[in-house]
Amino acid sequence: MPILSVDAPVSDKKAKVNQNKRIPCKYTKEVGNLISQVTLNPWWIAGFVAGEGSFYINKSSSIKAMFSVSQSVTNQHVLWAIFDYFGKIGSVSGETKYSNSKLTISGIKDLINIILPFFDENYIIGNKALDYADFRAVCLMIRDKIHLTAKGRIKCLEIKNRMNSKRDTTQIKNRAMIFNDWDNLIKNLSISAVRVTLN
């Protein structure tokens, strides 16, 4: 069985980026043939997302939860494999600014029915587990339309402002819980308080 290497380029030619155009991202026959021979391990995906993925909240005109995974344009076949694994939900697009390709999933039904159950079972180890837990809370608020209320929107923005690079990891009292007790991390996620309790 072939190995889906994150270092193997789609072609021998180095990708060239036109700053005035988006990087082409196509599910080519070559990519399809490659990923059809590979069975991804769900724990591999969880580990890959821990390093290359992002759970974040967009606050444009409305609150929106988004999950993404990025790779260099020459490794976009890895994103297509993950795209295929999740049932071809979301989209893969190019980012000319960073010469990257990105898999993005933002449909709330896809997040609730596919992405959340996947990461609840195949949990992320490390600080990003906290970002996922916060992301999960906002997804459930969106599902229940709590985000459409004034208080709900404020709570979503409070969560957004403590996620990812804005999280103060020095305040995490018990790091062992992030690594060893995922079930309790999820159970302690209260929709009323919408926060993760770390005792």
C-alpha atoms as a PDB file:
ATOM      1  CA  MET A   1       0.000   0.000   0.000  1.00  0.00           C
ATOM      2  CA  PRO A   2       1.489   3.386  -0.984  1.00  0.00           C
ATOM      3  CA  ILE A   3       2.281   5.920   1.691  1.00  0.00           C
ATOM      4  CA  LEU A   4       0.621   9.315   1.438  1.00  0.00           C
ATOM      5  CA  SER A   5       3.671  11.398   2.211  1.00  0.00           C
ATOM      6  CA  VAL A   6       3.288  15.025   3.193  1.00  0.00           C
ATOM      7  CA  ASP A   7       6.576  15.657   1.433  1.00  0.00           C
ATOM      8  CA  ALA A   8       5.795  14.099  -1.927  1.00  0.00           C
ATOM      9  CA  PRO A   9       4.987  16.766  -4.551  1.00  0.00           C
ATOM     10  CA  VAL A  10       2.102  16.332  -6.976  1.00  0.00           C
ATOM     11  CA  SER A  11       4.449  17.037  -9.880  1.00  0.00           C
ATOM     12  CA  ASP A  12       8.173  17.354 -10.428  1.00  0.00           C
ATOM     13  CA  LYS A  13       7.946  21.034 -11.306  1.00  0.00           C
ATOM     14  CA  LYS A  14       8.116  23.518  -8.482  1.00  0.00           C
ATOM     15  CA  ALA A  15       4.806  25.298  -8.022  1.00  0.00           C
ATOM     16  CA  LYS A  16       4.841  28.875  -9.278  1.00  0.00           C
ATOM     17  CA  VAL A  17       2.497  31.382  -7.714  1.00  0.00           C
ATOM     18  CA  ASN A  18       0.990  34.236  -9.728  1.00  0.00           C
ATOM     19  CA  GLN A  19       0.344  36.950  -7.163  1.00  0.00           C
ATOM     20  CA  ASN A  20      -2.718  38.112  -9.147  1.00  0.00           C
ATOM     21  CA  LYS A  21      -4.427  34.719  -9.201  1.00  0.00           C
ATOM     22  CA  ARG A  22      -5.462  32.075  -6.733  1.00  0.00           C
ATOM     23  CA  ILE A  23      -3.442  28.892  -6.658  1.00  0.00           C
ATOM     24  CA  PRO A  24      -5.256  26.260  -8.752  1.00  0.00           C
ATOM     25  CA  CYS A  25      -6.605  23.455  -6.601  1.00  0.00           C
ATOM     26  CA  LYS A  26      -8.061  20.629  -8.620  1.00  0.00           C
ATOM     27  CA  TYR A  27      -9.119  17.100  -7.773  1.00  0.00           C
ATOM     28  CA  THR A  28      -7.148  15.726 -10.697  1.00  0.00           C
ATOM     29  CA  LYS A  29      -7.131  12.167 -12.004  1.00  0.00           C
ATOM     30  CA  GLU A  30      -3.587  11.829 -10.650  1.00  0.00           C
ATOM     31  CA  VAL A  31      -4.695  12.869  -7.160  1.00  0.00           C
ATOM     32  CA  GLY A  32      -7.770  10.649  -7.313  1.00  0.00           C
ATOM     33  CA  ASN A  33      -5.708   7.620  -8.311  1.00  0.00           C
ATOM     34  CA  LEU A  34      -3.244   8.260  -5.485  1.00  0.00           C
ATOM     35  CA  ILE A  35      -5.707   8.694  -2.644  1.00  0.00           C
ATOM     36  CA  SER A  36      -7.887   5.789  -3.836  1.00  0.00           C
ATOM     37  CA  GLN A  37      -5.001   3.489  -2.889  1.00  0.00           C
ATOM     38  CA  VAL A  38      -4.584   4.957   0.592  1.00  0.00           C
ATOM     39  CA  THR A  39      -6.632   4.316   3.727  1.00  0.00           C
ATOM     40  CA  LEU A  40      -6.148   7.117   6.216  1.00  0.00           C
ATOM     41  CA  ASN A  41      -5.965   6.242   9.896  1.00  0.00           C
ATOM     42  CA  PRO A  42      -8.321   8.533  11.892  1.00  0.00           C
ATOM     43  CA  TRP A  43      -5.690   8.982  14.611  1.00  0.00           C
ATOM     44  CA  TRP A  44      -3.220  10.083  11.932  1.00  0.00           C
ATOM     45  CA  ILE A  45      -5.741  12.712  10.834  1.00  0.00           C
ATOM     46  CA  ALA A  46      -6.193  13.903  14.431  1.00  0.00           C
ATOM     47  CA  GLY A  47      -2.439  14.203  14.872  1.00  0.00           C
ATOM     48  CA  PHE A  48      -2.039  15.944  11.531  1.00  0.00           C
ATOM     49  CA  VAL A  49      -4.750  18.456  12.437  1.00  0.00           C
ATOM     50  CA  ALA A  50      -3.043  19.077  15.796  1.00  0.00           C
ATOM     51  CA  GLY A  51      -0.071  20.394  13.847  1.00  0.00           C
ATOM     52  CA  GLU A  52      -1.560  21.767  10.642  1.00  0.00           C
ATOM     53  CA  GLY A  53      -5.221  22.429  11.409  1.00  0.00           C
ATOM     54  CA  SER A  54      -7.225  25.244  12.933  1.00  0.00           C
ATOM     55  CA  PHE A  55     -10.557  25.632  14.712  1.00  0.00           C
ATOM     56  CA  TYR A  56     -11.702  29.219  14.617  1.00  0.00           C
ATOM     57  CA  ILE A  57     -14.683  31.562  14.785  1.00  0.00           C
ATOM     58  CA  ASN A  58     -15.424  34.148  12.109  1.00  0.00           C
ATOM     59  CA  LYS A  59     -17.237  37.259  13.309  1.00  0.00           C
ATOM     60  CA  SER A  60     -18.148  39.087  10.088  1.00  0.00           C
ATOM     61  CA  SER A  61     -21.858  39.868   9.724  1.00  0.00           C
ATOM     62  CA  SER A  62     -22.755  36.749  11.678  1.00  0.00           C
ATOM     63  CA  ILE A  63     -21.020  34.236  13.922  1.00  0.00           C
ATOM     64  CA  LYS A  64     -19.606  31.351  11.915  1.00  0.00           C
ATOM     65  CA  ALA A  65     -17.501  28.375  12.984  1.00  0.00           C
ATOM     66  CA  MET A  66     -14.801  27.175  10.601  1.00  0.00           C
ATOM     67  CA  PHE A  67     -12.433  24.216  10.552  1.00  0.00           C
ATOM     68  CA  SER A  68      -9.431  24.232   8.240  1.00  0.00           C
ATOM     69  CA  VAL A  69      -6.228  22.381   7.415  1.00  0.00           C
ATOM     70  CA  SER A  70      -3.405  23.973   5.428  1.00  0.00           C
ATOM     71  CA  GLN A  71      -0.507  22.633   3.410  1.00  0.00           C
ATOM     72  CA  SER A  72       1.913  23.940   0.813  1.00  0.00           C
ATOM     73  CA  VAL A  73       0.506  23.881  -2.699  1.00  0.00           C
ATOM     74  CA  THR A  74       2.816  20.997  -3.633  1.00  0.00           C
ATOM     75  CA  ASN A  75       1.258  18.898  -0.853  1.00  0.00           C
ATOM     76  CA  GLN A  76      -2.369  19.657  -1.616  1.00  0.00           C
ATOM     77  CA  HIS A  77      -2.997  15.964  -2.364  1.00  0.00           C
ATOM     78  CA  VAL A  78      -2.883  15.416   1.412  1.00  0.00           C
ATOM     79  CA  LEU A  79      -5.780  17.850   1.783  1.00  0.00           C
ATOM     80  CA  TRP A  80      -7.693  16.089  -0.963  1.00  0.00           C
ATOM     81  CA  ALA A  81      -7.213  12.797   0.888  1.00  0.00           C
ATOM     82  CA  ILE A  82      -8.679  14.308   4.069  1.00  0.00           C
ATOM     83  CA  PHE A  83     -11.445  15.914   1.984  1.00  0.00           C
ATOM     84  CA  ASP A  84     -12.232  12.477   0.568  1.00  0.00           C
ATOM     85  CA  TYR A  85     -12.113  10.845   4.024  1.00  0.00           C
ATOM     86  CA  PHE A  86     -14.749  13.219   5.394  1.00  0.00           C
ATOM     87  CA  GLY A  87     -17.092  12.523   2.505  1.00  0.00           C
ATOM     88  CA  LYS A  88     -16.093  15.382   0.214  1.00  0.00           C
ATOM     89  CA  ILE A  89     -17.534  18.120   2.418  1.00  0.00           C
ATOM     90  CA  GLY A  90     -16.089  21.621   2.388  1.00  0.00           C
ATOM     91  CA  SER A  91     -13.665  22.861  -0.243  1.00  0.00           C
ATOM     92  CA  VAL A  92      -9.965  23.052  -1.075  1.00  0.00           C
ATOM     93  CA  SER A  93      -8.709  26.420  -2.272  1.00  0.00           C
ATOM     94  CA  GLY A  94      -5.451  28.260  -2.817  1.00  0.00           C
ATOM     95  CA  GLU A  95      -3.910  31.066  -0.800  1.00  0.00           C
ATOM     96  CA  THR A  96      -1.558  33.098  -2.968  1.00  0.00           C
ATOM     97  CA  LYS A  97      -0.207  35.111  -0.037  1.00  0.00           C
ATOM     98  CA  TYR A  98       1.439  32.077   1.550  1.00  0.00           C
ATOM     99  CA  SER A  99       1.680  29.700  -1.440  1.00  0.00           C
ATOM    100  CA  ASN A 100      -0.589  27.369   0.496  1.00  0.00           C
ATOM    101  CA  SER A 101      -3.667  25.287  -0.153  1.00  0.00           C
ATOM    102  CA  LYS A 102      -6.405  25.068   2.458  1.00  0.00           C
ATOM    103  CA  LEU A 103      -9.205  22.632   3.167  1.00  0.00           C
ATOM    104  CA  THR A 104     -12.078  24.547   4.775  1.00  0.00           C
ATOM    105  CA  ILE A 105     -15.279  23.143   6.265  1.00  0.00           C
ATOM    106  CA  SER A 106     -17.806  25.674   7.543  1.00  0.00           C
ATOM    107  CA  GLY A 107     -21.290  24.270   6.951  1.00  0.00           C
ATOM    108  CA  ILE A 108     -22.858  23.898  10.392  1.00  0.00           C
ATOM    109  CA  LYS A 109     -24.551  20.593   9.501  1.00  0.00           C
ATOM    110  CA  ASP A 110     -21.219  19.187   8.315  1.00  0.00           C
ATOM    111  CA  LEU A 111     -19.484  20.394  11.456  1.00  0.00           C
ATOM    112  CA  ILE A 112     -22.162  19.001  13.784  1.00  0.00           C
ATOM    113  CA  ASN A 113     -22.725  15.683  12.005  1.00  0.00           C
ATOM    114  CA  ILE A 114     -19.210  14.828  10.805  1.00  0.00           C
ATOM    115  CA  ILE A 115     -16.401  16.953  12.265  1.00  0.00           C
ATOM    116  CA  LEU A 116     -17.493  17.072  15.924  1.00  0.00           C
ATOM    117  CA  PRO A 117     -18.216  13.322  16.202  1.00  0.00           C
ATOM    118  CA  PHE A 118     -14.870  12.596  14.561  1.00  0.00           C
ATOM    119  CA  PHE A 119     -12.805  14.696  16.994  1.00  0.00           C
ATOM    120  CA  ASP A 120     -14.900  13.646  19.998  1.00  0.00           C
ATOM    121  CA  GLU A 121     -13.793  10.092  19.267  1.00  0.00           C
ATOM    122  CA  ASN A 122     -10.333  10.743  17.790  1.00  0.00           C
ATOM    123  CA  TYR A 123      -9.259  13.451  20.178  1.00  0.00           C
ATOM    124  CA  ILE A 124      -6.454  15.922  19.748  1.00  0.00           C
ATOM    125  CA  ILE A 125      -3.625  15.864  22.275  1.00  0.00           C
ATOM    126  CA  GLY A 126      -2.151  19.186  23.380  1.00  0.00           C
ATOM    127  CA  ASN A 127      -3.259  22.781  23.795  1.00  0.00           C
ATOM    128  CA  LYS A 128      -5.273  22.664  20.568  1.00  0.00           C
ATOM    129  CA  ALA A 129      -7.688  20.355  22.408  1.00  0.00           C
ATOM    130  CA  LEU A 130      -8.838  23.473  24.267  1.00  0.00           C
ATOM    131  CA  ASP A 131      -9.421  25.321  20.999  1.00  0.00           C
ATOM    132  CA  TYR A 132     -11.446  22.366  19.773  1.00  0.00           C
ATOM    133  CA  ALA A 133     -13.517  22.315  22.969  1.00  0.00           C
ATOM    134  CA  ASP A 134     -14.284  26.039  22.594  1.00  0.00           C
ATOM    135  CA  PHE A 135     -15.000  25.562  18.890  1.00  0.00           C
ATOM    136  CA  ARG A 136     -17.356  22.700  19.773  1.00  0.00           C
ATOM    137  CA  ALA A 137     -19.259  24.918  22.208  1.00  0.00           C
ATOM    138  CA  VAL A 138     -19.801  27.599  19.569  1.00  0.00           C
ATOM    139  CA  CYS A 139     -20.924  25.002  16.998  1.00  0.00           C
ATOM    140  CA  LEU A 140     -23.582  23.774  19.425  1.00  0.00           C
ATOM    141  CA  MET A 141     -24.675  27.365  20.105  1.00  0.00           C
ATOM    142  CA  ILE A 142     -25.017  27.950  16.365  1.00  0.00           C
ATOM    143  CA  ARG A 143     -26.960  24.703  15.978  1.00  0.00           C
ATOM    144  CA  ASP A 144     -29.370  25.827  18.691  1.00  0.00           C
ATOM    145  CA  LYS A 145     -29.449  29.394  17.292  1.00  0.00           C
ATOM    146  CA  ILE A 146     -28.211  30.800  20.600  1.00  0.00           C
ATOM    147  CA  HIS A 147     -25.670  32.869  18.636  1.00  0.00           C
ATOM    148  CA  LEU A 148     -28.531  34.918  17.176  1.00  0.00           C
ATOM    149  CA  THR A 149     -29.386  36.407  20.566  1.00  0.00           C
ATOM    150  CA  ALA A 150     -27.524  39.422  21.932  1.00  0.00           C
ATOM    151  CA  LYS A 151     -26.156  37.466  24.890  1.00  0.00           C
ATOM    152  CA  GLY A 152     -25.305  34.515  22.687  1.00  0.00           C
ATOM    153  CA  ARG A 153     -23.313  36.660  20.261  1.00  0.00           C
ATOM    154  CA  ILE A 154     -21.388  38.241  23.122  1.00  0.00           C
ATOM    155  CA  LYS A 155     -20.582  34.811  24.547  1.00  0.00           C
ATOM    156  CA  CYS A 156     -19.400  33.566  21.146  1.00  0.00           C
ATOM    157  CA  LEU A 157     -17.098  36.557  20.806  1.00  0.00           C
ATOM    158  CA  GLU A 158     -15.750  36.002  24.313  1.00  0.00           C
ATOM    159  CA  ILE A 159     -14.880  32.454  23.315  1.00  0.00           C
ATOM    160  CA  LYS A 160     -13.300  33.611  20.054  1.00  0.00           C
ATOM    161  CA  ASN A 161     -11.119  36.069  21.945  1.00  0.00           C
ATOM    162  CA  ARG A 162      -9.567  33.355  24.093  1.00  0.00           C
ATOM    163  CA  MET A 163      -8.859  30.844  21.319  1.00  0.00           C
ATOM    164  CA  ASN A 164      -5.719  29.984  19.360  1.00  0.00           C
ATOM    165  CA  SER A 165      -2.992  32.625  19.596  1.00  0.00           C
ATOM    166  CA  LYS A 166      -5.062  34.628  22.089  1.00  0.00           C
ATOM    167  CA  ARG A 167      -5.158  31.794  24.625  1.00  0.00           C
ATOM    168  CA  ASP A 168      -3.076  32.355  27.738  1.00  0.00           C
ATOM    169  CA  THR A 169      -1.659  28.863  28.186  1.00  0.00           C
ATOM    170  CA  THR A 170       0.152  29.926  31.368  1.00  0.00           C
ATOM    171  CA  GLN A 171      -3.250  29.931  33.081  1.00  0.00           C
ATOM    172  CA  ILE A 172      -3.941  26.251  32.376  1.00  0.00           C
ATOM    173  CA  LYS A 173      -3.956  24.702  35.844  1.00  0.00           C
ATOM    174  CA  ASN A 174      -3.827  21.057  34.897  1.00  0.00           C
ATOM    175  CA  ARG A 175      -2.142  20.269  31.603  1.00  0.00           C
ATOM    176  CA  ALA A 176      -2.377  16.536  32.306  1.00  0.00           C
ATOM    177  CA  MET A 177      -6.100  16.737  31.724  1.00  0.00           C
ATOM    178  CA  ILE A 178      -5.539  17.887  28.149  1.00  0.00           C
ATOM    179  CA  PHE A 179      -3.469  14.806  27.451  1.00  0.00           C
ATOM    180  CA  ASN A 180      -5.134  12.120  29.557  1.00  0.00           C
ATOM    181  CA  ASP A 181      -8.780  12.919  30.240  1.00  0.00           C
ATOM    182  CA  TRP A 182     -10.567  13.942  27.070  1.00  0.00           C
ATOM    183  CA  ASP A 183     -13.912  12.519  28.239  1.00  0.00           C
ATOM    184  CA  ASN A 184     -13.936  14.829  31.250  1.00  0.00           C
ATOM    185  CA  LEU A 185     -12.840  17.748  29.119  1.00  0.00           C
ATOM    186  CA  ILE A 186     -15.917  17.261  26.943  1.00  0.00           C
ATOM    187  CA  LYS A 187     -18.247  16.562  29.885  1.00  0.00           C
ATOM    188  CA  ASN A 188     -17.106  19.747  31.607  1.00  0.00           C
ATOM    189  CA  LEU A 189     -18.036  21.771  28.545  1.00  0.00           C
ATOM    190  CA  SER A 190     -21.155  23.532  29.847  1.00  0.00           C
ATOM    191  CA  ILE A 191     -23.460  25.175  27.333  1.00  0.00           C
ATOM    192  CA  SER A 192     -24.808  27.458  30.059  1.00  0.00           C
ATOM    193  CA  ALA A 193     -21.364  28.783  30.969  1.00  0.00           C
ATOM    194  CA  VAL A 194     -19.806  27.874  27.608  1.00  0.00           C
ATOM    195  CA  ARG A 195     -16.363  27.304  29.000  1.00  0.00           C
ATOM    196  CA  VAL A 196     -13.975  24.487  29.711  1.00  0.00           C
ATOM    197  CA  THR A 197     -13.421  23.778  33.387  1.00  0.00           C
ATOM    198  CA  LEU A 198      -9.926  22.609  34.259  1.00  0.00           C
ATOM    199  CA  ASN A 199      -9.607  21.510  37.866  1.00  0.00           C
END
